[in-house]
Amino acid sequence: MISKDYIINAAEGIHARPATALVKLTKRFKSTISMKKGPRTVKINSLLNILSLAAKGGDTITIIVDGEDEVGALVAIDLFFHEELKHL
């Protein structure tokens, strides 16, 4: 299991468009991929799961990846956050 923290720099946070793209991205991997904000953790296999965290600009989230292709999954997610939501 590996994890990485991100600060959401996009002022609008994680809204429907990037959340949909993130779900599509994570479906390419066999690993279980989750997102944590505060005490809540949800699997990134559903748009509603991601939106339920209500991640806004300035929030810190943690991506947790567990499985056989976890390194590749985290690399792809890291690129996604760098391009789409500008992590720190």
Protein backbone atom coordinates (compact mmCIF):
# COMPACT_ATOMS: atom_id res chain seq x y z
CA MET A 1 0.00 0.00 0.00
CA ILE A 2 1.25 3.46 -0.91
CA SER A 3 -0.24 6.90 -0.42
CA LYS A 4 0.39 10.50 -1.34
CA ASP A 5 -1.02 13.80 -0.12
CA TYR A 6 -2.21 16.53 -2.45
CA ILE A 7 -3.28 20.11 -1.86
CA ILE A 8 -6.05 21.08 -4.23
CA ASN A 9 -4.92 24.39 -5.73
CA ALA A 10 -7.75 24.66 -8.25
CA ALA A 11 -10.14 27.20 -6.73
CA GLU A 12 -13.19 25.22 -7.85
CA GLY A 13 -11.89 22.05 -6.17
CA ILE A 14 -12.78 18.60 -7.45
CA HIS A 15 -16.02 19.09 -9.35
CA ALA A 16 -17.85 16.77 -11.78
CA ARG A 17 -15.51 17.07 -14.79
CA PRO A 18 -12.22 16.18 -13.07
CA ALA A 19 -13.99 13.65 -10.85
CA THR A 20 -15.34 11.84 -13.93
CA ALA A 21 -11.89 11.86 -15.52
CA LEU A 22 -10.38 10.48 -12.31
CA VAL A 23 -12.89 7.61 -12.18
CA LYS A 24 -12.10 6.72 -15.81
CA LEU A 25 -8.37 6.85 -15.11
CA THR A 26 -8.52 4.61 -12.06
CA LYS A 27 -10.61 1.96 -13.82
CA ARG A 28 -7.50 1.08 -15.86
CA PHE A 29 -5.84 -0.39 -12.78
CA LYS A 30 -6.46 -3.53 -10.73
CA SER A 31 -5.43 -1.89 -7.45
CA THR A 32 -7.95 -0.54 -4.97
CA ILE A 33 -7.71 3.24 -5.08
CA SER A 34 -9.20 5.47 -2.40
CA MET A 35 -9.32 9.15 -1.57
CA LYS A 36 -9.27 10.48 1.98
CA LYS A 37 -10.26 13.94 3.20
CA GLY A 38 -10.25 14.42 6.94
CA PRO A 39 -11.71 11.34 8.62
CA ARG A 40 -13.61 10.13 5.51
CA THR A 41 -12.19 7.69 2.98
CA VAL A 42 -14.02 6.68 -0.21
CA LYS A 43 -13.13 4.42 -3.11
CA ILE A 44 -12.51 6.26 -6.37
CA ASN A 45 -14.79 4.00 -8.39
CA SER A 46 -17.77 6.32 -8.47
CA LEU A 47 -18.35 9.96 -9.33
CA LEU A 48 -20.68 10.31 -6.34
CA ASN A 49 -18.07 8.92 -3.95
CA ILE A 50 -15.56 11.56 -5.03
CA LEU A 51 -18.07 14.41 -5.01
CA SER A 52 -19.30 13.38 -1.55
CA LEU A 53 -15.95 14.47 -0.09
CA ALA A 54 -16.61 18.04 -1.32
CA ALA A 55 -12.89 18.75 -1.84
CA LYS A 56 -12.48 22.48 -2.36
CA GLY A 57 -9.50 24.62 -3.30
CA GLY A 58 -6.98 24.61 -0.46
CA ASP A 59 -8.10 21.24 0.94
CA THR A 60 -5.60 18.44 1.47
CA ILE A 61 -6.57 14.98 0.27
CA THR A 62 -4.72 11.69 0.41
CA ILE A 63 -4.74 9.12 -2.38
CA ILE A 64 -4.26 5.54 -1.14
CA VAL A 65 -3.41 2.78 -3.62
CA ASP A 66 -3.23 -0.90 -2.69
CA GLY A 67 -2.64 -3.72 -5.15
CA GLU A 68 -0.39 -5.33 -7.71
CA ASP A 69 -0.10 -2.28 -9.97
CA GLU A 70 -0.08 0.35 -7.24
CA VAL A 71 3.11 2.10 -8.35
CA GLY A 72 1.86 2.58 -11.92
CA ALA A 73 -1.52 3.70 -10.64
CA LEU A 74 -0.02 6.30 -8.34
CA VAL A 75 2.24 7.60 -11.12
CA ALA A 76 -0.81 8.06 -13.39
CA ILE A 77 -2.82 9.70 -10.62
CA ASP A 78 0.10 11.98 -9.75
CA LEU A 79 0.27 13.12 -13.36
CA PHE A 80 -3.50 13.66 -13.36
CA PHE A 81 -3.36 15.85 -10.24
CA HIS A 82 -0.38 17.78 -11.57
CA GLU A 83 -2.12 18.53 -14.87
CA GLU A 84 -5.77 18.80 -13.81
CA LEU A 85 -5.75 20.10 -10.24
CA LYS A 86 -2.21 21.33 -9.69
CA HIS A 87 -0.94 19.60 -6.55
CA LEU A 88 1.79 20.94 -4.27
